C-alpha atoms as a PDB file:
ATOM      1  CA  MET A   1     106.377  88.167 103.460  1.00  0.00           C
ATOM      2  CA  ARG A   2     107.850  91.656 103.316  1.00  0.00           C
ATOM      3  CA  ASN A   3     111.410  92.074 102.148  1.00  0.00           C
ATOM      4  CA  SER A   4     113.812  92.304 105.058  1.00  0.00           C
ATOM      5  CA  ALA A   5     115.888  95.448 105.413  1.00  0.00           C
ATOM      6  CA  SER A   6     118.925  93.581 104.115  1.00  0.00           C
ATOM      7  CA  ASP A   7     117.056  92.801 100.877  1.00  0.00           C
ATOM      8  CA  VAL A   8     116.172  96.420 100.111  1.00  0.00           C
ATOM      9  CA  ALA A   9     118.501  98.457  97.945  1.00  0.00           C
ATOM     10  CA  GLU A  10     119.415 102.023  98.788  1.00  0.00           C
ATOM     11  CA  ILE A  11     116.997 104.550  97.335  1.00  0.00           C
ATOM     12  CA  ARG A  12     118.548 106.919  94.813  1.00  0.00           C
ATOM     13  CA  ASP A  13     117.224 109.404  92.249  1.00  0.00           C
ATOM     14  CA  ALA A  14     113.784 109.262  93.856  1.00  0.00           C
ATOM     15  CA  VAL A  15     110.647 111.356  94.004  1.00  0.00           C
ATOM     16  CA  HIS A  16     107.940 111.100  96.664  1.00  0.00           C
ATOM     17  CA  LEU A  17     104.471 110.950  95.097  1.00  0.00           C
ATOM     18  CA  CYS A  18     101.895 111.799  97.755  1.00  0.00           C
ATOM     19  CA  ILE A  19      98.537 110.745  96.391  1.00  0.00           C
ATOM     20  CA  ASP A  20      95.303 112.719  96.907  1.00  0.00           C
ATOM     21  CA  MET A  21      95.589 113.880 100.507  1.00  0.00           C
ATOM     22  CA  GLN A  22      92.679 116.262  99.970  1.00  0.00           C
ATOM     23  CA  ASN A  23      89.879 117.641 102.098  1.00  0.00           C
ATOM     24  CA  ILE A  24      87.316 115.562 100.204  1.00  0.00           C
ATOM     25  CA  PHE A  25      88.952 112.442 101.679  1.00  0.00           C
ATOM     26  CA  ALA A  26      89.480 113.906 105.158  1.00  0.00           C
ATOM     27  CA  PRO A  27      87.042 113.405 108.057  1.00  0.00           C
ATOM     28  CA  GLY A  28      83.852 115.275 107.211  1.00  0.00           C
ATOM     29  CA  GLY A  29      84.578 115.156 103.487  1.00  0.00           C
ATOM     30  CA  LEU A  30      82.267 113.621 100.908  1.00  0.00           C
ATOM     31  CA  TRP A  31      84.588 110.641 100.427  1.00  0.00           C
ATOM     32  CA  ALA A  32      85.958 110.562 103.972  1.00  0.00           C
ATOM     33  CA  THR A  33      88.743 108.058 104.544  1.00  0.00           C
ATOM     34  CA  PRO A  34      88.703 107.218 108.260  1.00  0.00           C
ATOM     35  CA  TRP A  35      92.402 106.379 108.455  1.00  0.00           C
ATOM     36  CA  MET A  36      93.612 109.678 107.074  1.00  0.00           C
ATOM     37  CA  GLU A  37      94.029 111.342 110.460  1.00  0.00           C
ATOM     38  CA  ARG A  38      96.046 108.364 111.679  1.00  0.00           C
ATOM     39  CA  VAL A  39      98.579 108.412 108.835  1.00  0.00           C
ATOM     40  CA  LEU A  40      98.720 112.182 108.310  1.00  0.00           C
ATOM     41  CA  PRO A  41     101.536 112.805 110.848  1.00  0.00           C
ATOM     42  CA  THR A  42     103.631 110.098 109.196  1.00  0.00           C
ATOM     43  CA  ILE A  43     103.063 111.546 105.727  1.00  0.00           C
ATOM     44  CA  ALA A  44     103.817 115.065 106.980  1.00  0.00           C
ATOM     45  CA  SER A  45     107.115 113.844 108.432  1.00  0.00           C
ATOM     46  CA  ILE A  46     108.087 112.304 105.069  1.00  0.00           C
ATOM     47  CA  VAL A  47     107.191 115.496 103.207  1.00  0.00           C
ATOM     48  CA  ALA A  48     109.096 117.641 105.705  1.00  0.00           C
ATOM     49  CA  ARG A  49     112.211 115.561 105.147  1.00  0.00           C
ATOM     50  CA  TYR A  50     111.955 115.446 101.339  1.00  0.00           C
ATOM     51  CA  GLN A  51     110.168 118.701 100.532  1.00  0.00           C
ATOM     52  CA  THR A  52     111.929 119.441  97.261  1.00  0.00           C
ATOM     53  CA  ARG A  53     111.506 115.828  96.156  1.00  0.00           C
ATOM     54  CA  THR A  54     107.760 115.647  96.869  1.00  0.00           C
ATOM     55  CA  ILE A  55     104.979 115.920  94.306  1.00  0.00           C
ATOM     56  CA  PHE A  56     101.419 116.053  95.631  1.00  0.00           C
ATOM     57  CA  THR A  57      98.588 114.906  93.402  1.00  0.00           C
ATOM     58  CA  ARG A  58      94.995 116.112  93.507  1.00  0.00           C
ATOM     59  CA  PHE A  59      92.090 114.159  92.058  1.00  0.00           C
ATOM     60  CA  VAL A  60      90.116 116.923  90.356  1.00  0.00           C
ATOM     61  CA  THR A  61      86.542 116.063  89.509  1.00  0.00           C
ATOM     62  CA  PRO A  62      84.773 117.380  86.383  1.00  0.00           C
ATOM     63  CA  LEU A  63      82.420 120.331  86.372  1.00  0.00           C
ATOM     64  CA  ASP A  64      79.692 118.029  84.997  1.00  0.00           C
ATOM     65  CA  PRO A  65      79.612 114.260  84.342  1.00  0.00           C
ATOM     66  CA  GLU A  66      79.505 114.836  80.581  1.00  0.00           C
ATOM     67  CA  ASP A  67      82.956 116.410  80.754  1.00  0.00           C
ATOM     68  CA  ARG A  68      84.492 112.960  81.128  1.00  0.00           C
ATOM     69  CA  ALA A  69      84.536 110.003  78.746  1.00  0.00           C
ATOM     70  CA  GLY A  70      82.835 106.651  78.872  1.00  0.00           C
ATOM     71  CA  GLN A  71      82.112 105.051  82.230  1.00  0.00           C
ATOM     72  CA  TRP A  72      83.364 108.116  84.086  1.00  0.00           C
ATOM     73  CA  GLN A  73      80.091 109.770  83.069  1.00  0.00           C
ATOM     74  CA  ASN A  74      78.087 107.077  84.858  1.00  0.00           C
ATOM     75  CA  TYR A  75      80.416 107.294  87.819  1.00  0.00           C
ATOM     76  CA  PHE A  76      79.934 111.027  88.212  1.00  0.00           C
ATOM     77  CA  ARG A  77      76.197 110.820  87.629  1.00  0.00           C
ATOM     78  CA  ARG A  78      76.136 108.527  90.628  1.00  0.00           C
ATOM     79  CA  TRP A  79      78.447 110.878  92.536  1.00  0.00           C
ATOM     80  CA  HIS A  80      76.989 114.124  91.213  1.00  0.00           C
ATOM     81  CA  GLN A  81      77.708 115.732  94.604  1.00  0.00           C
ATOM     82  CA  ALA A  82      81.408 115.295  93.814  1.00  0.00           C
ATOM     83  CA  THR A  83      81.298 117.272  90.569  1.00  0.00           C
ATOM     84  CA  ARG A  84      82.631 120.795  90.747  1.00  0.00           C
ATOM     85  CA  ARG A  85      79.143 122.047  89.938  1.00  0.00           C
ATOM     86  CA  HIS A  86      78.138 121.005  93.476  1.00  0.00           C
ATOM     87  CA  LEU A  87      81.384 120.624  95.411  1.00  0.00           C
ATOM     88  CA  PRO A  88      82.924 123.560  97.312  1.00  0.00           C
ATOM     89  CA  PRO A  89      86.364 124.337  95.820  1.00  0.00           C
ATOM     90  CA  SER A  90      88.025 123.841  99.204  1.00  0.00           C
ATOM     91  CA  ALA A  91      87.110 120.139  99.079  1.00  0.00           C
ATOM     92  CA  LEU A  92      89.673 119.516  96.355  1.00  0.00           C
ATOM     93  CA  GLU A  93      92.489 121.341  98.127  1.00  0.00           C
ATOM     94  CA  LEU A  94      95.233 119.523 100.014  1.00  0.00           C
ATOM     95  CA  VAL A  95      94.628 119.148 103.728  1.00  0.00           C
ATOM     96  CA  PRO A  96      96.166 122.122 105.594  1.00  0.00           C
ATOM     97  CA  ALA A  97      98.870 120.047 107.295  1.00  0.00           C
ATOM     98  CA  LEU A  98     100.338 119.313 103.848  1.00  0.00           C
ATOM     99  CA  SER A  99      99.406 122.341 101.748  1.00  0.00           C
ATOM    100  CA  LYS A 100     101.852 124.418 103.798  1.00  0.00           C
ATOM    101  CA  PHE A 101     104.715 122.551 102.099  1.00  0.00           C
ATOM    102  CA  VAL A 102     103.760 123.884  98.626  1.00  0.00           C
ATOM    103  CA  PRO A 103     106.196 125.279  97.600  1.00  0.00           C
ATOM    104  CA  PRO A 104     108.894 123.955  97.682  1.00  0.00           C
ATOM    105  CA  ALA A 105     106.923 120.727  97.192  1.00  0.00           C
ATOM    106  CA  ALA A 106     105.159 120.569  93.838  1.00  0.00           C
ATOM    107  CA  MET A 107     101.522 119.808  93.095  1.00  0.00           C
ATOM    108  CA  ILE A 108      99.829 118.367  90.008  1.00  0.00           C
ATOM    109  CA  ASP A 109      96.193 117.690  89.164  1.00  0.00           C
ATOM    110  CA  LYS A 110      94.879 114.501  87.614  1.00  0.00           C
ATOM    111  CA  PRO A 111      91.508 113.593  86.088  1.00  0.00           C
ATOM    112  CA  ALA A 112      91.532 109.886  86.986  1.00  0.00           C
ATOM    113  CA  TYR A 113      92.878 107.464  89.557  1.00  0.00           C
ATOM    114  CA  SER A 114      96.535 107.183  88.549  1.00  0.00           C
ATOM    115  CA  ALA A 115      98.973 110.029  89.119  1.00  0.00           C
ATOM    116  CA  PHE A 116     100.131 109.249  85.585  1.00  0.00           C
ATOM    117  CA  SER A 117      96.741 110.252  84.192  1.00  0.00           C
ATOM    118  CA  ASN A 118      98.331 113.697  84.346  1.00  0.00           C
ATOM    119  CA  PRO A 119     100.007 113.506  80.927  1.00  0.00           C
ATOM    120  CA  GLY A 120     103.050 115.495  81.958  1.00  0.00           C
ATOM    121  CA  LEU A 121     104.123 113.459  84.977  1.00  0.00           C
ATOM    122  CA  ALA A 122     106.024 110.624  83.320  1.00  0.00           C
ATOM    123  CA  GLY A 123     108.017 112.995  81.119  1.00  0.00           C
ATOM    124  CA  ARG A 124     108.764 115.217  84.100  1.00  0.00           C
ATOM    125  CA  LEU A 125     110.205 112.288  86.038  1.00  0.00           C
ATOM    126  CA  VAL A 126     112.225 111.034  83.084  1.00  0.00           C
ATOM    127  CA  ASP A 127     113.629 114.534  82.477  1.00  0.00           C
ATOM    128  CA  LYS A 128     114.749 114.633  86.118  1.00  0.00           C
ATOM    129  CA  LYS A 129     116.323 111.179  85.710  1.00  0.00           C
ATOM    130  CA  VAL A 130     114.099 109.756  88.432  1.00  0.00           C
ATOM    131  CA  GLY A 131     114.468 106.002  88.836  1.00  0.00           C
ATOM    132  CA  THR A 132     112.328 105.401  91.919  1.00  0.00           C
ATOM    133  CA  VAL A 133     108.947 106.663  93.021  1.00  0.00           C
ATOM    134  CA  VAL A 134     108.156 106.575  96.734  1.00  0.00           C
ATOM    135  CA  ILE A 135     104.402 106.435  97.232  1.00  0.00           C
ATOM    136  CA  SER A 136     102.153 107.487 100.101  1.00  0.00           C
ATOM    137  CA  GLY A 137      98.575 108.726 100.390  1.00  0.00           C
ATOM    138  CA  ALA A 138      94.997 107.723  99.622  1.00  0.00           C
ATOM    139  CA  GLU A 139      93.462 105.310  98.885  1.00  0.00           C
ATOM    140  CA  THR A 140      95.513 102.133  99.050  1.00  0.00           C
ATOM    141  CA  ASP A 141      93.159 100.142  96.856  1.00  0.00           C
ATOM    142  CA  VAL A 142      92.112 102.815  94.342  1.00  0.00           C
ATOM    143  CA  CYS A 143      94.333 105.778  93.387  1.00  0.00           C
ATOM    144  CA  VAL A 144      97.458 104.407  95.048  1.00  0.00           C
ATOM    145  CA  LEU A 145      96.946 101.049  93.342  1.00  0.00           C
ATOM    146  CA  SER A 146      96.467 102.663  89.941  1.00  0.00           C
ATOM    147  CA  THR A 147      99.555 104.828  90.423  1.00  0.00           C
ATOM    148  CA  VAL A 148     101.692 101.878  91.500  1.00  0.00           C
ATOM    149  CA  LEU A 149     100.729  99.816  88.462  1.00  0.00           C
ATOM    150  CA  SER A 150     101.319 102.751  86.102  1.00  0.00           C
ATOM    151  CA  ALA A 151     104.735 103.382  87.655  1.00  0.00           C
ATOM    152  CA  VAL A 152     105.651  99.716  87.227  1.00  0.00           C
ATOM    153  CA  ASP A 153     104.556  99.852  83.583  1.00  0.00           C
ATOM    154  CA  PHE A 154     106.758 102.910  83.008  1.00  0.00           C
ATOM    155  CA  GLY A 155     109.717 101.022  84.468  1.00  0.00           C
ATOM    156  CA  PHE A 156     110.142 102.902  87.720  1.00  0.00           C
ATOM    157  CA  ARG A 157     111.138 101.143  90.899  1.00  0.00           C
ATOM    158  CA  VAL A 158     108.270 101.615  93.361  1.00  0.00           C
ATOM    159  CA  VAL A 159     108.670 101.997  97.111  1.00  0.00           C
ATOM    160  CA  ILE A 160     105.396 101.922  99.033  1.00  0.00           C
ATOM    161  CA  VAL A 161     105.481 103.415 102.517  1.00  0.00           C
ATOM    162  CA  GLU A 162     103.104 100.996 104.178  1.00  0.00           C
ATOM    163  CA  ASP A 163     102.384 103.070 107.290  1.00  0.00           C
ATOM    164  CA  ALA A 164     101.714 106.160 105.155  1.00  0.00           C
ATOM    165  CA  LEU A 165      98.706 104.812 103.247  1.00  0.00           C
ATOM    166  CA  CYS A 166      95.030 105.123 104.059  1.00  0.00           C
ATOM    167  CA  SER A 167      91.862 103.517 102.764  1.00  0.00           C
ATOM    168  CA  SER A 168      88.191 103.392 103.588  1.00  0.00           C
ATOM    169  CA  SER A 169      88.344  99.598 103.291  1.00  0.00           C
ATOM    170  CA  ASP A 170      90.367  97.432 105.666  1.00  0.00           C
ATOM    171  CA  VAL A 171      89.733  94.423 103.418  1.00  0.00           C
ATOM    172  CA  GLY A 172      90.918  96.276 100.319  1.00  0.00           C
ATOM    173  CA  HIS A 173      94.018  97.625 102.054  1.00  0.00           C
ATOM    174  CA  ASP A 174      95.047  94.233 103.419  1.00  0.00           C
ATOM    175  CA  ALA A 175      94.466  92.521 100.065  1.00  0.00           C
ATOM    176  CA  LEU A 176      96.679  95.017  98.287  1.00  0.00           C
ATOM    177  CA  MET A 177      99.481  94.686 100.830  1.00  0.00           C
ATOM    178  CA  THR A 178      99.410  90.936 100.250  1.00  0.00           C
ATOM    179  CA  MET A 179      99.455  91.389  96.480  1.00  0.00           C
ATOM    180  CA  TYR A 180     102.426  93.771  96.554  1.00  0.00           C
ATOM    181  CA  ARG A 181     104.417  91.384  98.741  1.00  0.00           C
ATOM    182  CA  THR A 182     103.714  88.291  96.660  1.00  0.00           C
ATOM    183  CA  ARG A 183     103.307  89.414  93.051  1.00  0.00           C
ATOM    184  CA  PHE A 184     105.717  92.287  92.362  1.00  0.00           C
ATOM    185  CA  HIS A 185     109.063  91.139  93.745  1.00  0.00           C
ATOM    186  CA  GLY A 186     111.877  93.150  92.192  1.00  0.00           C
ATOM    187  CA  GLN A 187     109.571  95.965  91.098  1.00  0.00           C
ATOM    188  CA  VAL A 188     107.810  97.006  94.313  1.00  0.00           C
ATOM    189  CA  ASP A 189     109.298  97.306  97.793  1.00  0.00           C
ATOM    190  CA  LEU A 190     107.320  97.884 100.969  1.00  0.00           C
ATOM    191  CA  MET A 191     108.869  99.671 103.913  1.00  0.00           C
ATOM    192  CA  THR A 192     107.921 101.777 106.894  1.00  0.00           C
ATOM    193  CA  ALA A 193     108.509 105.512 107.127  1.00  0.00           C
ATOM    194  CA  GLU A 194     111.313 104.835 109.600  1.00  0.00           C
ATOM    195  CA  GLU A 195     113.000 102.471 107.162  1.00  0.00           C
ATOM    196  CA  LEU A 196     112.577 105.046 104.402  1.00  0.00           C
ATOM    197  CA  THR A 197     114.807 107.487 106.279  1.00  0.00           C
ATOM    198  CA  GLU A 198     117.442 104.785 106.506  1.00  0.00           C
ATOM    199  CA  PHE A 199     117.445 103.846 102.823  1.00  0.00           C
ATOM    200  CA  TRP A 200     116.744 107.279 101.251  1.00  0.00           C
ATOM    201  CA  ARG A 201     119.421 109.739 102.262  1.00  0.00           C
ATOM    202  CA  GLU A 202     119.647 112.915 100.245  1.00  0.00           C
END
């Protein structure tokens, strides 16, 4: 059961992490996420409201599979079309509806699923005295999941905007929403974009 509005604390000292809203995941992309078009207006409205507090992430694939360690090599041998040797550079760019916000929004690249696989992110947030990360983007059950768990491990409060997530798997998305509601009380809050504007006032 999702926390009621009365249970949710005001959001302070927050940053919006918008995960991997890139052309590769858009309709027609190699890893197309069918829901992206549906949630894009909601994400754009969040970014427009909190432009200077938004950090976009981009999942940047290696030039060749051998450029990554361990099982990532097998992964990118399977998905050799996704390596930068074969992928058009535009595929890794943010979708146009969001790229227009950079700047003032910031953008960082990451080599793996979690936003925190960019080694500078955690320190950047700590330096800015960020206590809460507000998370939107793609995909609910892969990069968003990894980012949420990393943020929890670092001690950040996590706010997931549930109508600003997209996945290529309905089953995966629904399972993760259930897990967040039942297993991370006190560390993870779920709310809608409308509720976000109520609780996060700059």
